[in-house]
Protein backbone atom coordinates (compact mmCIF):
# COMPACT_ATOMS: atom_id res chain seq x y z
CA MET A 1 0.00 0.00 0.00
CA GLY A 2 1.33 3.42 -0.95
CA PRO A 3 1.68 6.27 1.53
CA ARG A 4 -1.51 8.02 2.62
CA LEU A 5 -1.15 11.77 2.39
CA ALA A 6 -3.38 12.25 5.44
CA ASP A 7 -1.14 10.08 7.65
CA ILE A 8 2.04 11.81 6.53
CA ALA A 9 0.47 15.27 6.87
CA ARG A 10 -0.80 14.51 10.37
CA HIS A 11 2.61 13.19 11.48
CA ALA A 12 4.49 16.15 9.96
CA GLY A 13 1.97 18.75 11.10
CA VAL A 14 1.34 20.14 7.61
CA SER A 15 -1.42 20.07 5.00
CA GLU A 16 -1.93 17.27 2.50
CA ALA A 17 -1.23 19.75 -0.30
CA THR A 18 2.19 20.47 1.22
CA VAL A 19 2.94 16.75 1.45
CA SER A 20 2.00 16.37 -2.21
CA ARG A 21 4.34 19.21 -3.24
CA VAL A 22 7.22 17.64 -1.29
CA LEU A 23 6.65 14.14 -2.67
CA ASN A 24 6.51 15.52 -6.20
CA ASP A 25 9.58 17.68 -5.60
CA LYS A 26 7.71 20.90 -6.35
CA PRO A 27 9.05 24.36 -5.37
CA GLY A 28 7.48 26.63 -2.80
CA VAL A 29 8.18 24.52 0.32
CA GLY A 30 10.61 25.66 3.02
CA SER A 31 13.59 23.47 3.87
CA ASP A 32 12.38 22.81 7.44
CA THR A 33 8.92 21.80 6.21
CA ARG A 34 10.39 19.59 3.50
CA LYS A 35 12.61 17.90 6.09
CA ALA A 36 9.62 17.33 8.41
CA VAL A 37 7.63 15.64 5.63
CA LEU A 38 10.53 13.40 4.59
CA THR A 39 11.20 12.46 8.21
CA ALA A 40 7.52 11.57 8.65
CA LEU A 41 7.76 9.40 5.55
CA ASP A 42 10.76 7.56 7.06
CA VAL A 43 9.22 7.16 10.50
CA LEU A 44 5.98 5.75 9.07
CA GLY A 45 7.99 3.19 7.11
CA TYR A 46 7.17 4.45 3.61
CA GLU A 47 9.74 4.32 0.82
CA ARG A 48 10.79 7.67 -0.53
CA PRO A 49 10.13 8.43 -4.21
CA ALA A 50 13.22 7.73 -6.32
CA ARG A 51 13.67 11.42 -7.14
CA LEU A 52 14.08 12.20 -3.45
CA ARG A 53 16.34 9.39 -2.31
CA GLN A 54 19.59 11.12 -3.13
CA ARG A 55 18.62 13.90 -0.78
CA SER A 56 17.78 11.58 2.10
CA ALA A 57 18.94 14.07 4.71
CA GLY A 58 16.62 12.62 7.31
CA LEU A 59 18.47 9.34 8.00
CA VAL A 60 21.66 8.89 10.00
CA GLY A 61 23.21 5.49 10.69
CA MET A 62 24.46 4.64 14.18
CA VAL A 63 26.60 1.48 14.46
CA ILE A 64 27.33 0.24 18.00
CA PRO A 65 28.79 -3.06 19.25
CA GLU A 66 25.91 -4.45 21.29
CA LEU A 67 23.30 -3.58 23.89
CA GLU A 68 24.35 -5.90 26.72
CA ASN A 69 26.80 -3.34 28.13
CA PRO A 70 24.53 -0.58 29.52
CA VAL A 71 26.88 2.18 28.35
CA PHE A 72 25.99 1.56 24.69
CA PRO A 73 22.23 2.07 25.12
CA MET A 74 23.11 5.21 27.11
CA PHE A 75 25.10 6.56 24.17
CA ALA A 76 22.45 5.54 21.63
CA GLN A 77 19.71 7.26 23.62
CA ALA A 78 21.70 10.49 24.00
CA ALA A 79 22.67 10.56 20.32
CA GLU A 80 19.13 9.72 19.20
CA GLY A 81 17.73 12.67 21.14
CA ALA A 82 20.33 15.05 19.72
CA LEU A 83 19.66 13.83 16.17
CA ALA A 84 15.89 14.17 16.58
CA GLN A 85 16.31 17.78 17.69
CA ARG A 86 18.05 18.44 14.38
CA GLY A 87 15.37 16.70 12.34
CA TYR A 88 17.23 13.46 11.67
CA THR A 89 15.98 9.93 12.16
CA PRO A 90 18.64 7.53 13.51
CA VAL A 91 18.95 4.03 12.09
CA LEU A 92 20.37 1.98 14.98
CA CYS A 93 22.56 -0.98 14.02
CA THR A 94 23.66 -3.24 16.90
CA GLN A 95 26.12 -6.06 16.49
CA THR A 96 25.76 -9.39 18.25
CA PRO A 97 28.08 -12.43 18.30
CA GLY A 98 27.55 -14.33 15.08
CA GLY A 99 25.15 -11.68 13.76
CA ILE A 100 25.41 -8.96 11.13
CA SER A 101 28.90 -7.49 10.88
CA GLU A 102 29.86 -3.83 10.82
CA ASP A 103 30.63 -3.99 7.08
CA GLU A 104 27.26 -5.61 6.34
CA TYR A 105 25.48 -2.89 8.31
CA VAL A 106 27.35 -0.23 6.33
CA GLU A 107 26.15 -1.77 3.07
CA LEU A 108 22.57 -1.73 4.34
CA LEU A 109 22.89 1.89 5.39
CA LEU A 110 24.32 2.90 2.04
CA GLU A 111 21.34 1.25 0.34
CA ARG A 112 19.11 3.49 2.46
CA ASN A 113 21.06 6.54 1.28
CA VAL A 114 21.85 7.74 4.79
CA SER A 115 23.35 11.20 5.11
CA GLY A 116 26.06 10.12 7.55
CA ILE A 117 27.13 7.40 9.97
CA LEU A 118 28.21 7.41 13.62
CA PHE A 119 30.51 4.53 14.60
CA VAL A 120 30.83 3.74 18.33
CA SER A 121 33.71 1.48 19.44
CA GLY A 122 33.90 -0.04 15.99
CA LYS A 123 36.70 -1.55 13.94
CA HIS A 124 38.43 1.84 13.99
CA ALA A 125 39.33 1.10 17.64
CA ASP A 126 41.09 -2.15 16.67
CA THR A 127 44.74 -1.50 15.81
CA THR A 128 44.96 -4.81 13.92
CA ALA A 129 41.92 -4.19 11.70
CA SER A 130 41.97 -2.70 8.22
CA HIS A 131 40.68 0.86 8.07
CA GLU A 132 40.01 0.81 4.34
CA ARG A 133 36.27 0.53 5.02
CA TYR A 134 36.27 4.02 6.55
CA GLN A 135 38.59 5.49 3.95
CA ALA A 136 36.20 4.23 1.27
CA LEU A 137 33.30 6.02 2.96
CA VAL A 138 35.31 9.24 3.13
CA SER A 139 36.17 8.86 -0.56
CA ARG A 140 32.43 8.71 -1.27
CA ARG A 141 32.12 12.02 0.60
CA LEU A 142 29.85 10.38 3.16
CA PRO A 143 30.20 12.19 6.51
CA ILE A 144 31.31 9.89 9.34
CA VAL A 145 32.25 10.41 12.99
CA LEU A 146 34.09 7.79 15.03
CA VAL A 147 33.70 7.45 18.80
CA ASN A 148 36.28 5.92 21.16
CA GLY A 149 39.20 4.83 19.04
CA TYR A 150 41.65 6.95 17.03
CA THR A 151 43.92 6.49 14.04
CA GLU A 152 45.63 9.09 11.88
CA SER A 153 44.89 7.04 8.75
CA ILE A 154 41.20 8.05 8.67
CA PRO A 155 40.47 11.70 7.75
CA ALA A 156 37.44 12.11 10.00
CA ALA A 157 36.34 13.62 13.31
CA PHE A 158 36.98 11.46 16.39
CA ILE A 159 35.27 11.73 19.77
CA SER A 160 37.02 10.02 22.70
CA ALA A 161 37.12 9.89 26.46
CA ASP A 162 40.55 10.52 27.98
CA ASP A 163 41.32 6.89 28.75
CA ARG A 164 44.82 7.64 30.02
CA GLU A 165 43.37 10.02 32.58
CA ALA A 166 40.80 7.37 33.52
CA GLY A 167 43.62 4.94 34.36
CA ARG A 168 45.43 7.60 36.37
CA LEU A 169 42.33 8.63 38.31
CA ALA A 170 41.60 5.05 39.38
CA VAL A 171 45.19 4.34 40.48
CA ASN A 172 45.60 7.65 42.33
CA HIS A 173 42.39 6.97 44.25
CA LEU A 174 43.52 3.50 45.30
CA VAL A 175 47.03 4.66 46.24
CA ALA A 176 45.49 7.39 48.41
CA LEU A 177 43.67 4.61 50.26
CA GLY A 178 46.98 2.89 50.98
CA HIS A 179 46.95 0.17 48.31
CA THR A 180 50.30 -0.76 46.77
CA ARG A 181 49.40 -4.04 45.03
CA ILE A 182 46.94 -2.74 42.42
CA GLY A 183 45.89 -4.99 39.55
CA PHE A 184 44.56 -4.00 36.14
CA THR A 185 42.21 -5.76 33.75
CA SER A 186 40.46 -4.82 30.55
CA GLY A 187 39.87 -6.31 27.14
CA PRO A 188 42.48 -7.25 24.50
CA GLU A 189 45.37 -4.78 24.15
CA ARG A 190 44.80 -4.34 20.42
CA TYR A 191 42.00 -1.88 21.20
CA VAL A 192 43.01 1.78 21.47
CA PRO A 193 40.99 2.56 24.66
CA VAL A 194 42.55 -0.45 26.41
CA ARG A 195 46.07 0.62 25.48
CA ARG A 196 45.44 4.13 26.73
CA LYS A 197 43.95 3.03 30.05
CA LEU A 198 46.92 0.71 30.53
CA GLU A 199 49.33 3.57 29.81
CA GLY A 200 47.59 5.75 32.40
CA TYR A 201 47.69 2.90 34.92
CA HIS A 202 51.46 2.44 34.51
CA GLN A 203 52.12 6.20 34.54
CA ALA A 204 50.27 6.69 37.81
CA LEU A 205 51.96 3.73 39.47
CA ALA A 206 55.38 5.02 38.39
CA GLU A 207 54.61 8.46 39.84
CA HIS A 208 54.05 6.77 43.21
CA GLY A 209 57.14 4.56 42.94
CA LEU A 210 55.10 1.41 42.36
CA ASP A 211 55.41 -1.33 39.77
CA GLY A 212 52.52 -3.12 38.12
CA ASP A 213 54.22 -5.11 35.37
CA ASP A 214 53.21 -8.44 36.92
CA LEU A 215 49.76 -7.21 37.97
CA VAL A 216 48.17 -6.77 34.53
CA GLN A 217 45.73 -9.48 33.44
CA LEU A 218 43.99 -8.66 30.16
CA SER A 219 40.94 -10.76 29.45
CA LEU A 220 37.62 -10.76 27.59
CA PHE A 221 35.25 -7.84 27.86
CA GLY A 222 32.29 -8.68 30.07
CA VAL A 223 31.45 -10.12 33.48
CA GLU A 224 33.18 -13.41 32.81
CA GLY A 225 36.38 -11.65 31.71
CA GLY A 226 36.54 -9.61 34.91
CA HIS A 227 35.76 -12.71 36.94
CA ALA A 228 38.61 -14.73 35.44
CA ALA A 229 41.16 -11.89 35.56
CA ALA A 230 40.39 -11.06 39.19
CA GLY A 231 40.86 -14.68 40.22
CA ARG A 232 44.38 -14.73 38.79
CA LEU A 233 45.30 -11.34 40.25
CA ILE A 234 44.02 -12.25 43.71
CA GLU A 235 46.36 -15.23 43.62
CA ARG A 236 49.20 -12.76 43.03
CA GLY A 237 48.32 -10.83 46.19
CA VAL A 238 46.60 -7.73 44.88
CA THR A 239 44.36 -5.83 47.28
CA ALA A 240 42.69 -3.66 44.63
CA MET A 241 41.79 -3.73 40.95
CA VAL A 242 41.25 -1.23 38.15
CA CYS A 243 38.74 -2.58 35.61
CA GLY A 244 38.16 -1.49 32.02
CA SER A 245 34.37 -1.40 32.42
CA ASP A 246 31.70 -1.55 35.10
CA ILE A 247 30.61 -4.95 33.81
CA MET A 248 34.12 -6.35 34.28
CA ALA A 249 34.20 -4.82 37.76
CA LEU A 250 31.06 -6.76 38.71
CA GLY A 251 32.82 -9.95 37.65
CA ALA A 252 35.85 -8.98 39.76
CA ILE A 253 33.64 -8.48 42.84
CA ARG A 254 32.08 -11.90 42.34
CA ALA A 255 35.53 -13.51 42.06
CA ALA A 256 36.71 -11.78 45.23
CA ARG A 257 33.75 -13.13 47.17
CA GLN A 258 34.36 -16.62 45.85
CA HIS A 259 37.86 -16.31 47.31
CA GLY A 260 36.40 -15.41 50.69
CA LEU A 261 37.27 -11.71 50.43
CA ARG A 262 35.00 -8.90 51.52
CA VAL A 263 34.49 -5.91 49.22
CA PRO A 264 35.68 -3.32 50.09
CA GLN A 265 37.15 -4.33 53.48
CA ASP A 266 39.60 -6.86 52.02
CA PHE A 267 39.52 -6.01 48.33
CA SER A 268 38.75 -2.78 46.46
CA VAL A 269 37.41 -2.52 42.90
CA VAL A 270 37.15 0.47 40.52
CA GLY A 271 35.06 0.25 37.34
CA TYR A 272 34.73 2.43 34.28
CA ASP A 273 31.72 4.01 32.49
CA ASP A 274 29.29 4.74 35.39
CA SER A 275 26.52 3.04 33.46
CA GLN A 276 22.93 2.98 34.64
CA LEU A 277 22.12 1.13 37.89
CA ILE A 278 25.81 0.84 38.89
CA ALA A 279 25.10 3.09 41.86
CA PHE A 280 22.66 0.44 43.13
CA THR A 281 24.88 -2.65 43.04
CA ASP A 282 26.11 -4.38 46.20
CA PRO A 283 28.26 -2.60 47.13
CA PRO A 284 27.62 0.54 45.07
CA LEU A 285 30.48 0.63 42.57
CA THR A 286 33.28 3.19 42.68
CA THR A 287 33.91 3.99 39.03
CA VAL A 288 35.36 6.45 36.54
CA ARG A 289 32.50 8.16 34.74
CA GLN A 290 32.69 8.38 30.98
CA PRO A 291 31.02 11.65 29.85
CA VAL A 292 28.59 9.84 27.56
CA ASN A 293 26.08 12.67 27.10
CA ALA A 294 28.70 15.29 26.26
CA MET A 295 30.43 12.90 23.87
CA ALA A 296 27.17 11.98 22.13
CA MET A 297 26.23 15.65 21.70
CA ALA A 298 29.66 16.46 20.26
CA ALA A 299 29.52 13.50 17.88
CA VAL A 300 26.09 14.49 16.58
CA ARG A 301 27.10 18.14 16.24
CA ALA A 302 30.23 17.25 14.25
CA LEU A 303 28.31 14.88 11.98
CA CYS A 304 25.46 17.32 11.33
CA ASP A 305 27.91 20.13 10.59
CA GLU A 306 29.66 17.96 8.02
CA ILE A 307 26.35 16.89 6.50
CA ALA A 308 25.46 20.58 6.15
CA GLY A 309 28.71 21.19 4.30
CA HIS A 310 30.48 23.06 7.08
CA SER A 311 34.18 22.57 7.69
CA VAL A 312 34.85 20.08 10.50
CA SER A 313 38.31 19.52 11.93
CA HIS A 314 39.50 15.97 11.28
CA ALA A 315 41.05 15.63 14.72
CA GLU A 316 40.36 13.85 17.98
CA TYR A 317 38.17 15.65 20.52
CA VAL A 318 39.01 14.30 23.99
CA PHE A 319 36.63 14.52 26.96
CA ASP A 320 37.66 14.35 30.62
CA PRO A 321 36.38 11.47 32.76
CA GLU A 322 35.38 11.87 36.41
CA LEU A 323 36.06 9.69 39.44
CA VAL A 324 32.85 8.72 41.28
CA VAL A 325 33.61 7.30 44.74
CA ARG A 326 31.05 4.90 46.17
CA GLY A 327 31.20 1.77 48.28
CA SER A 328 33.48 -0.69 46.47
CA THR A 329 36.75 0.94 47.59
CA ALA A 330 38.20 1.38 51.07
CA ALA A 331 41.51 1.61 52.93
CA ALA A 332 43.96 -1.17 52.18
CA PRO A 333 43.75 -4.10 54.63
CA ALA A 334 46.39 -4.24 57.36
CA THR A 335 47.51 -7.64 56.08
CA VAL A 336 47.36 -8.85 52.53
CA PRO A 337 44.94 -11.78 52.25
CA GLY A 338 46.81 -14.94 51.25
CA PRO A 339 46.17 -16.96 48.12
CA PRO A 340 43.55 -19.71 48.15
CA ALA A 341 44.43 -23.07 49.64
CA SER A 342 46.60 -25.41 47.62
CA GLY A 343 44.69 -27.28 44.98
CA SER A 344 41.91 -24.71 44.67
CA ARG A 345 41.43 -22.81 41.45
CA LEU A 346 39.19 -20.20 39.97
CA ASP A 347 37.69 -20.84 36.59
CA VAL A 348 35.03 -19.22 34.48
CA PRO A 349 31.79 -21.18 34.75
CA SER A 350 31.19 -23.04 31.49
CA ALA A 351 27.84 -21.33 31.06
CA LEU A 352 29.62 -18.00 30.95
CA ARG A 353 32.42 -18.86 28.52
CA ARG A 354 32.33 -17.12 25.17
CA ASP A 355 34.41 -17.27 22.04
CA PRO A 356 36.94 -14.39 22.12
CA GLN A 357 36.06 -13.65 18.49
CA ASP A 358 32.48 -12.95 19.56
CA VAL A 359 33.37 -10.36 22.17
CA THR A 360 33.16 -6.67 21.36
CA PRO A 361 35.00 -3.82 23.09
CA GLY A 362 33.54 -1.49 25.64
CA VAL A 363 33.27 2.20 24.93
């Protein structure tokens, strides 16, 4: 069934005659009104007339890793609101293990003639991945903005949190509490945010005369990754941990309890992101807040400016994180808890194991 003028007019808040003029590409319609009609057409699920598809200014692609980590829905919601205020309709593309890949989503978005694409923690953050996919989009003059992950090989705007500062903030907080055996875990080191957090961790330890070379345990992103890494670090005598995400921190807390340690009396944990509901965990999680709303607004602003033909600096815009102290950190214990009894071991429950190839990075 073709589009009903009355439905489109009611959704766009204009007359049916105005809708007809827009759909037939007739003059005499303001740009804002034309955009409202085309957006209504997209929202109602109607296909645009062929003559209008090349000017599909109402659609913007948003490619994110997955929705299991609460920080990604937070970013999507903030970006969606900012896009809607500018008259754009976001097309949300979420990746899942074994599902549609980033490249396949890009092809689908190009078929929809989107005006631009936001990439959040995508392949651009992987130092081992080819970046030709992004260079090809730039060559097509399609505006793109990349969030959390930077490379000089892509001439585009980048929006990032200061991951080095995040690592420093977490370590400085734990050192101030008297901890000297501070472990670190995050995802694979090939990801730019992981490398930067790790650099900040080592820098802060060095400033306090501490060494953490044997206290780094990189793992998989997710609860199970934090769980496994914490088990190994506890066996090395750490009294505190810096985690690459809040989800990993929850896994670290579970591992500590399985080793008979109390959090935070015996073992302190710092997360990263400050995603929704983290303030209500047991104990409430001390974390480094990623400025998701500010980053989403900046990403949308840069993308919309480029869509409009304005000059946008192809540089990295870095946003400061913030330490949020809650109940998962406390003064270092007077004595370092010993390792588990001989013969005991910590393993990831089989129900929680995942293929490393199916795991996507945190923001």
